[in-house]
N, C-alpha and C. Protein backbone atom coordinates (compact mmCIF):
# COMPACT_ATOMS: atom_id res chain seq x y z
N MET A 1 -28.28 11.16 30.49
CA MET A 1 -28.70 12.24 29.21
C MET A 1 -26.83 12.29 28.99
N VAL A 2 -25.69 12.19 29.35
CA VAL A 2 -24.66 12.42 29.29
C VAL A 2 -24.09 10.84 28.92
N GLY A 3 -24.76 9.76 28.98
CA GLY A 3 -24.36 8.62 29.06
C GLY A 3 -25.13 8.07 27.75
N LEU A 4 -25.99 8.60 27.34
CA LEU A 4 -26.74 8.34 26.09
C LEU A 4 -25.77 9.29 24.99
N GLN A 5 -25.18 10.73 25.35
CA GLN A 5 -24.43 11.52 24.32
C GLN A 5 -23.63 10.43 23.93
N LEU A 6 -22.74 10.20 25.01
CA LEU A 6 -21.84 9.60 25.05
C LEU A 6 -21.45 8.22 24.16
N ARG A 7 -22.89 7.66 24.04
CA ARG A 7 -23.18 6.64 23.15
C ARG A 7 -23.20 6.65 21.62
N ILE A 8 -23.97 7.72 21.58
CA ILE A 8 -23.75 8.24 20.34
C ILE A 8 -23.01 8.34 19.25
N LEU A 9 -22.23 9.54 20.28
CA LEU A 9 -20.83 10.25 19.38
C LEU A 9 -20.18 8.81 19.38
N VAL A 10 -19.66 8.18 20.05
CA VAL A 10 -18.90 6.52 19.89
C VAL A 10 -19.33 6.08 18.88
N SER A 11 -20.52 5.74 18.55
CA SER A 11 -21.08 5.18 17.66
C SER A 11 -21.04 5.81 16.32
N LEU A 12 -21.09 7.32 16.15
CA LEU A 12 -20.81 8.07 14.85
C LEU A 12 -19.39 7.93 14.38
N ALA A 13 -18.50 8.16 15.55
CA ALA A 13 -16.83 7.91 15.39
C ALA A 13 -16.74 6.56 14.75
N CYS A 14 -17.23 5.53 15.18
CA CYS A 14 -16.74 4.25 15.10
C CYS A 14 -17.28 3.87 13.63
N GLY A 15 -18.74 4.77 12.79
CA GLY A 15 -19.08 3.99 11.97
C GLY A 15 -18.26 5.11 10.59
N LEU A 16 -18.02 5.98 11.30
CA LEU A 16 -17.70 6.89 10.33
C LEU A 16 -15.60 6.60 10.36
N VAL A 17 -15.00 6.33 11.66
CA VAL A 17 -13.43 5.98 10.98
C VAL A 17 -13.25 4.54 10.77
N LEU A 18 -13.83 3.55 11.23
CA LEU A 18 -13.30 2.27 11.36
C LEU A 18 -13.45 1.92 9.82
N PRO A 19 -14.71 2.11 8.64
CA PRO A 19 -14.41 1.68 7.54
C PRO A 19 -13.65 2.27 6.51
N ALA A 20 -13.25 3.74 7.04
CA ALA A 20 -11.91 3.91 6.19
C ALA A 20 -10.25 3.31 6.35
N CYS A 21 -10.58 2.67 7.80
CA CYS A 21 -8.91 2.29 8.16
C CYS A 21 -9.08 1.17 7.57
N HIS A 22 -9.96 -0.03 7.69
CA HIS A 22 -10.18 -1.14 6.83
C HIS A 22 -10.41 -1.46 5.66
N GLN A 23 -10.18 -1.98 4.88
CA GLN A 23 -10.61 -2.28 3.56
C GLN A 23 -10.64 -3.30 3.78
N GLY A 24 -11.73 -4.54 3.48
CA GLY A 24 -11.78 -5.67 3.94
C GLY A 24 -11.27 -6.86 2.78
N ASN A 25 -11.05 -6.40 1.61
CA ASN A 25 -10.16 -6.89 0.34
C ASN A 25 -8.95 -6.15 -0.23
N GLY A 26 -8.74 -5.72 0.72
CA GLY A 26 -6.98 -5.04 0.26
C GLY A 26 -7.04 -4.12 -0.36
N GLU A 27 -8.07 -3.62 -1.41
CA GLU A 27 -8.12 -2.55 -2.55
C GLU A 27 -8.16 -0.71 -1.69
N ALA A 28 -7.60 -0.16 -1.95
CA ALA A 28 -7.63 1.20 -1.53
C ALA A 28 -9.45 1.76 -2.48
N GLN A 29 -9.86 2.57 -1.49
CA GLN A 29 -11.31 2.94 -1.78
C GLN A 29 -11.35 4.18 -2.79
N GLY A 30 -12.00 4.19 -3.65
CA GLY A 30 -12.43 4.77 -5.01
C GLY A 30 -11.69 4.51 -6.47
N MET A 31 -11.64 3.19 -6.32
CA MET A 31 -10.86 2.60 -7.40
C MET A 31 -11.67 2.37 -8.64
N LYS A 32 -12.57 2.68 -8.85
CA LYS A 32 -13.69 2.33 -9.35
C LYS A 32 -12.99 3.01 -11.34
N SER A 33 -12.53 2.43 -11.85
CA SER A 33 -12.14 3.32 -13.42
C SER A 33 -11.51 2.00 -14.12
N ASN A 34 -11.49 2.21 -15.58
CA ASN A 34 -11.23 1.57 -16.59
C ASN A 34 -9.32 1.72 -16.54
N LYS A 35 -9.14 0.33 -15.79
CA LYS A 35 -7.64 0.38 -15.73
C LYS A 35 -6.67 0.07 -16.53
N ARG A 36 -7.61 -0.37 -17.88
CA ARG A 36 -6.59 -0.51 -19.27
C ARG A 36 -6.55 0.79 -20.10
N SER A 37 -6.71 1.52 -19.41
CA SER A 37 -6.23 2.94 -20.42
C SER A 37 -4.94 3.64 -19.76
N PHE A 38 -3.62 3.29 -19.41
CA PHE A 38 -2.98 3.43 -18.61
C PHE A 38 -2.11 3.70 -19.67
N SER A 39 -1.29 4.91 -19.55
CA SER A 39 -0.07 5.27 -20.88
C SER A 39 1.19 5.34 -20.25
N VAL A 40 2.08 4.47 -20.49
CA VAL A 40 3.66 4.89 -19.91
C VAL A 40 4.38 5.14 -20.65
N THR A 41 5.27 6.32 -20.62
CA THR A 41 5.64 7.53 -21.27
C THR A 41 7.06 7.29 -21.41
N GLU A 42 7.60 6.75 -20.53
CA GLU A 42 8.86 6.65 -20.02
C GLU A 42 9.59 5.27 -19.25
N VAL A 43 10.38 4.89 -19.08
CA VAL A 43 10.89 3.81 -18.06
C VAL A 43 12.38 3.88 -18.20
N HIS A 44 13.02 4.09 -16.89
CA HIS A 44 14.47 3.56 -16.56
C HIS A 44 14.67 2.74 -15.31
N ALA A 45 15.53 1.54 -15.46
CA ALA A 45 15.86 1.26 -13.83
C ALA A 45 17.01 1.90 -12.98
N ARG A 46 16.99 1.71 -12.07
CA ARG A 46 17.77 1.87 -11.11
C ARG A 46 17.59 1.10 -9.93
N SER A 47 18.67 1.12 -8.89
CA SER A 47 18.55 0.45 -7.94
C SER A 47 19.55 1.06 -6.32
N GLU A 48 19.27 0.61 -5.80
CA GLU A 48 19.71 0.79 -4.09
C GLU A 48 20.63 0.11 -3.45
N HIS A 49 20.81 -1.09 -4.85
CA HIS A 49 22.32 -2.08 -4.12
C HIS A 49 23.41 -1.49 -5.41
N LYS A 50 24.54 -1.00 -4.74
CA LYS A 50 25.41 -1.25 -5.62
C LYS A 50 26.42 -2.24 -6.46
N SER A 51 25.91 -3.30 -6.14
CA SER A 51 26.09 -4.38 -6.76
C SER A 51 25.30 -5.30 -8.07
N SER A 52 25.52 -6.40 -8.29
CA SER A 52 25.07 -6.51 -9.63
C SER A 52 23.25 -7.20 -9.22
N PHE A 53 22.97 -7.13 -8.02
CA PHE A 53 21.81 -8.02 -7.50
C PHE A 53 20.56 -7.41 -8.91
N CYS A 54 20.39 -6.30 -8.97
CA CYS A 54 19.10 -5.73 -9.66
C CYS A 54 19.61 -5.44 -11.12
N SER A 55 20.61 -6.02 -11.81
CA SER A 55 21.43 -5.59 -13.18
C SER A 55 20.05 -6.28 -14.09
N GLY A 56 19.46 -7.45 -13.87
CA GLY A 56 18.52 -8.16 -14.35
C GLY A 56 17.45 -7.49 -14.71
N PHE A 57 16.79 -6.44 -13.85
CA PHE A 57 15.39 -6.18 -13.43
C PHE A 57 15.22 -4.41 -14.16
N THR A 58 14.66 -4.84 -15.64
CA THR A 58 14.15 -3.63 -16.01
C THR A 58 12.88 -4.06 -17.24
N LEU A 59 12.25 -3.18 -17.27
CA LEU A 59 10.81 -3.05 -18.06
C LEU A 59 10.56 -2.66 -19.29
N THR A 60 10.36 -2.44 -19.66
CA THR A 60 10.07 -1.98 -21.89
C THR A 60 8.65 -0.76 -21.00
N THR A 61 8.13 -0.01 -21.53
CA THR A 61 7.32 0.86 -21.79
C THR A 61 6.18 -0.23 -21.70
N THR A 62 6.12 -0.73 -22.96
CA THR A 62 4.51 -1.86 -22.74
C THR A 62 4.47 -2.68 -21.47
N GLN A 63 5.67 -2.98 -21.01
CA GLN A 63 5.51 -4.40 -19.67
C GLN A 63 5.32 -3.77 -18.58
N ALA A 64 5.81 -2.13 -18.93
CA ALA A 64 5.29 -1.27 -17.25
C ALA A 64 3.57 -1.02 -17.57
N GLU A 65 3.49 -0.57 -18.56
CA GLU A 65 2.14 -0.59 -18.88
C GLU A 65 0.68 -1.84 -18.67
N ALA A 66 1.46 -3.08 -19.17
CA ALA A 66 0.89 -4.50 -18.38
C ALA A 66 1.06 -4.60 -16.93
N PHE A 67 1.72 -4.15 -16.38
CA PHE A 67 1.92 -4.25 -14.67
C PHE A 67 0.46 -3.34 -14.05
N PHE A 68 0.55 -1.71 -14.58
CA PHE A 68 -0.36 -1.62 -13.94
C PHE A 68 -1.82 -2.14 -14.79
N ASN A 69 -1.84 -2.01 -15.96
CA ASN A 69 -3.17 -2.39 -16.67
C ASN A 69 -3.52 -4.00 -15.31
N ARG A 70 -2.72 -4.65 -15.36
CA ARG A 70 -2.85 -6.04 -14.58
C ARG A 70 -3.31 -6.12 -13.26
N GLY A 71 -2.90 -4.79 -12.92
CA GLY A 71 -2.65 -4.88 -11.34
C GLY A 71 -3.81 -3.96 -10.56
N ARG A 72 -3.99 -3.24 -8.95
CA ARG A 72 -4.98 -2.83 -8.46
C ARG A 72 -4.35 -1.66 -7.77
N GLU A 73 -5.06 -1.31 -7.41
CA GLU A 73 -4.38 -0.07 -6.02
C GLU A 73 -5.12 -0.50 -4.84
N ILE A 74 -4.36 -0.79 -3.57
CA ILE A 74 -4.23 -1.67 -2.05
C ILE A 74 -3.75 -0.45 -1.70
N ASP A 75 -3.64 -1.09 -0.29
CA ASP A 75 -3.82 -0.03 1.01
C ASP A 75 -2.52 -0.11 1.63
N GLY A 76 -2.01 0.57 2.17
CA GLY A 76 -0.52 -0.03 3.15
C GLY A 76 -0.42 -0.86 3.75
N ILE A 77 -1.64 -1.34 4.26
CA ILE A 77 -1.62 -2.80 4.96
C ILE A 77 -1.27 -4.22 4.38
N THR A 78 -2.19 -3.96 2.98
CA THR A 78 -1.71 -4.67 2.28
C THR A 78 -0.30 -4.69 1.62
N LEU A 79 0.03 -3.67 1.37
CA LEU A 79 1.58 -3.41 1.12
C LEU A 79 2.17 -4.14 1.76
N HIS A 80 2.43 -3.67 3.44
CA HIS A 80 3.12 -4.45 4.29
C HIS A 80 2.89 -6.16 4.39
N GLU A 81 1.75 -6.48 4.20
CA GLU A 81 0.96 -7.71 5.04
C GLU A 81 1.64 -8.62 3.60
N LYS A 82 1.42 -8.44 2.47
CA LYS A 82 1.22 -9.11 1.55
C LYS A 82 2.15 -9.25 0.49
N PHE A 83 3.37 -8.11 0.30
CA PHE A 83 4.21 -7.88 -0.72
C PHE A 83 5.80 -7.93 -0.43
N ASP A 84 6.53 -8.22 -0.95
CA ASP A 84 8.02 -8.38 -0.39
C ASP A 84 8.49 -6.87 -1.69
N TRP A 85 9.87 -6.31 -0.54
CA TRP A 85 10.37 -5.57 -0.77
C TRP A 85 11.66 -5.95 -1.32
N LEU A 86 12.36 -5.64 -2.75
CA LEU A 86 13.82 -5.69 -3.24
C LEU A 86 13.87 -4.47 -3.85
N PRO A 87 15.15 -4.04 -3.43
CA PRO A 87 15.77 -2.58 -4.05
C PRO A 87 16.15 -2.55 -5.40
N CYS A 88 15.48 -3.09 -5.89
CA CYS A 88 15.42 -2.76 -8.04
C CYS A 88 13.77 -1.99 -8.04
N TYR A 89 14.20 -1.12 -9.17
CA TYR A 89 13.28 -0.13 -9.55
C TYR A 89 13.17 -0.30 -10.66
N VAL A 90 12.20 0.04 -11.35
CA VAL A 90 11.68 0.97 -12.92
C VAL A 90 11.26 2.39 -12.44
N ASP A 91 11.49 3.00 -12.71
CA ASP A 91 10.66 4.27 -12.60
C ASP A 91 10.19 5.23 -14.27
N GLY A 92 9.36 5.90 -14.02
CA GLY A 92 9.17 6.63 -15.49
C GLY A 92 7.80 7.02 -15.10
N ARG A 93 7.05 7.93 -16.17
CA ARG A 93 6.19 8.38 -16.24
C ARG A 93 5.03 7.96 -16.55
N ILE A 94 3.42 8.19 -16.13
CA ILE A 94 2.69 7.47 -16.40
C ILE A 94 1.29 8.29 -16.09
N SER A 95 0.39 7.68 -17.49
CA SER A 95 -0.95 9.09 -17.70
C SER A 95 -1.96 7.66 -17.38
N ASN A 96 -3.45 8.81 -16.88
CA ASN A 96 -4.44 7.57 -16.77
C ASN A 96 -5.59 8.76 -16.33
N PRO A 97 -6.00 9.13 -17.33
CA PRO A 97 -7.51 10.38 -17.50
C PRO A 97 -8.40 9.79 -16.26
N GLU A 98 -9.07 8.89 -16.41
CA GLU A 98 -10.15 8.54 -15.28
C GLU A 98 -9.47 8.65 -13.85
N LEU A 99 -8.39 8.47 -13.72
CA LEU A 99 -7.69 8.79 -12.57
C LEU A 99 -6.93 9.78 -12.62
N ASN A 100 -7.30 11.13 -13.13
CA ASN A 100 -6.30 12.24 -13.18
C ASN A 100 -5.13 12.53 -13.36
N MET A 101 -4.27 10.83 -13.73
CA MET A 101 -2.88 11.20 -13.63
C MET A 101 -2.75 11.81 -15.51
N ASN A 102 -2.05 12.41 -15.11
CA ASN A 102 -1.33 13.11 -15.97
C ASN A 102 0.28 13.22 -16.19
N HIS A 103 1.22 12.17 -16.86
CA HIS A 103 2.54 12.20 -16.68
C HIS A 103 3.25 12.56 -15.32
N CYS A 104 2.52 11.84 -14.40
CA CYS A 104 3.13 11.31 -12.94
C CYS A 104 4.28 10.64 -13.15
N PRO A 105 5.21 10.72 -12.08
CA PRO A 105 6.06 10.11 -11.67
C PRO A 105 5.76 8.53 -11.42
N PHE A 106 6.36 7.40 -11.51
CA PHE A 106 5.80 6.51 -11.18
C PHE A 106 7.43 5.72 -10.77
N SER A 107 6.94 4.62 -9.75
CA SER A 107 8.21 3.23 -9.02
C SER A 107 7.81 2.14 -9.15
N ILE A 108 7.95 1.42 -10.25
CA ILE A 108 7.68 0.05 -9.82
C ILE A 108 8.59 -0.94 -9.31
N GLN A 109 8.44 -1.63 -7.91
CA GLN A 109 9.44 -2.17 -7.67
C GLN A 109 9.35 -3.57 -7.73
N ALA A 110 10.52 -4.57 -8.01
CA ALA A 110 10.54 -5.65 -8.36
C ALA A 110 10.05 -6.70 -7.38
N GLY A 111 9.42 -6.55 -6.14
CA GLY A 111 8.77 -7.17 -5.48
C GLY A 111 6.95 -7.42 -5.75
N GLY A 112 6.89 -6.38 -6.79
CA GLY A 112 5.27 -6.71 -7.02
C GLY A 112 4.42 -5.35 -7.01
N THR A 113 5.18 -4.16 -6.88
CA THR A 113 4.77 -3.12 -5.69
C THR A 113 5.09 -1.80 -6.69
N ALA A 114 4.23 -1.00 -6.98
CA ALA A 114 4.46 0.67 -7.24
C ALA A 114 3.66 1.54 -6.76
N SER A 115 4.60 2.85 -6.67
CA SER A 115 4.26 3.84 -6.16
C SER A 115 3.93 5.29 -7.21
N ILE A 116 2.75 5.88 -7.14
CA ILE A 116 2.65 6.93 -8.36
C ILE A 116 2.42 8.07 -7.36
N ARG A 117 3.02 8.96 -7.52
CA ARG A 117 2.48 10.60 -7.26
C ARG A 117 2.35 11.22 -8.15
N CYS A 118 1.15 12.29 -8.23
CA CYS A 118 1.08 13.06 -8.86
C CYS A 118 0.77 14.40 -8.43
N ASP A 119 0.88 15.83 -9.23
CA ASP A 119 0.35 16.90 -8.67
C ASP A 119 -0.46 17.13 -7.91
N GLY A 120 -0.43 17.98 -7.08
CA GLY A 120 -1.61 18.05 -5.90
C GLY A 120 -1.58 17.19 -4.57
N GLY A 121 -0.24 16.12 -4.48
CA GLY A 121 0.27 15.08 -3.36
C GLY A 121 -1.04 13.86 -3.98
N LYS A 122 -1.75 13.47 -4.68
CA LYS A 122 -2.49 12.80 -5.35
C LYS A 122 -1.54 11.75 -4.95
N ALA A 123 -1.57 10.47 -4.31
CA ALA A 123 -0.56 9.59 -4.66
C ALA A 123 -0.99 7.94 -4.17
N PHE A 124 -0.73 7.08 -5.02
CA PHE A 124 -1.46 5.71 -5.07
C PHE A 124 -0.23 4.69 -5.10
N ILE A 125 -1.03 3.22 -4.60
CA ILE A 125 0.26 2.77 -4.15
C ILE A 125 -0.49 1.07 -4.90
N TRP A 126 -0.07 0.64 -5.90
CA TRP A 126 -0.37 -0.32 -6.96
C TRP A 126 0.42 -1.85 -6.50
N ALA A 127 -0.06 -2.99 -7.10
CA ALA A 127 0.10 -4.31 -6.97
C ALA A 127 -0.70 -4.99 -7.75
N CYS A 128 0.56 -6.11 -8.44
CA CYS A 128 0.46 -6.87 -9.14
C CYS A 128 0.48 -7.90 -9.13
N ASP A 129 -0.67 -9.14 -8.52
CA ASP A 129 -0.12 -10.88 -7.99
C ASP A 129 0.09 -11.27 -9.29
N GLN A 130 -0.11 -10.84 -10.65
CA GLN A 130 -0.08 -11.63 -11.62
C GLN A 130 0.79 -11.09 -12.65
N CYS A 131 2.09 -10.69 -12.25
CA CYS A 131 2.85 -9.71 -13.33
C CYS A 131 4.21 -10.94 -12.79
N GLU A 132 4.25 -12.29 -12.56
CA GLU A 132 5.34 -13.02 -12.67
C GLU A 132 6.19 -12.98 -13.69
N ASP A 133 5.65 -13.05 -14.88
CA ASP A 133 6.25 -12.99 -16.00
C ASP A 133 7.03 -11.92 -16.51
N LEU A 134 6.27 -10.71 -16.01
CA LEU A 134 7.67 -9.06 -15.98
C LEU A 134 8.03 -9.03 -15.41
N LEU A 135 8.14 -9.79 -13.97
CA LEU A 135 9.12 -8.76 -12.96
C LEU A 135 10.48 -9.97 -12.48
N ALA A 136 10.08 -11.64 -12.97
CA ALA A 136 11.03 -12.12 -12.95
C ALA A 136 12.52 -11.62 -14.12
N ASP A 137 13.59 -12.30 -13.57
CA ASP A 137 14.60 -12.29 -14.49
C ASP A 137 15.17 -12.86 -15.32
């Protein structure tokens, strides 16, 4: 009897926990939205490097909107395994009504990823595989 209960408990745990841990396509769950409705209201460049390494990395508001519209939300594993990190950023604010984003701060990183943090602790990791034309110096 205890063995049967243990197997049921393990089966339930695997069914509930494992799908949340692994997204087969690298996209975060819950992203069924019209990504074309992003609106960027401000942008400015910053760098973790004191040299001129990042001096050429900047985006306009239109380019930042294009980054988010072409991109997709990803999970942390995909961020770590498929994207490079560079110390160059463009920061700004973004809105998207479908995702309940209202003037949320974002950082686009020159390696093709971005983070968005909204009120209430809601956070997104974004990536764009088709943005080389926007991110290149």
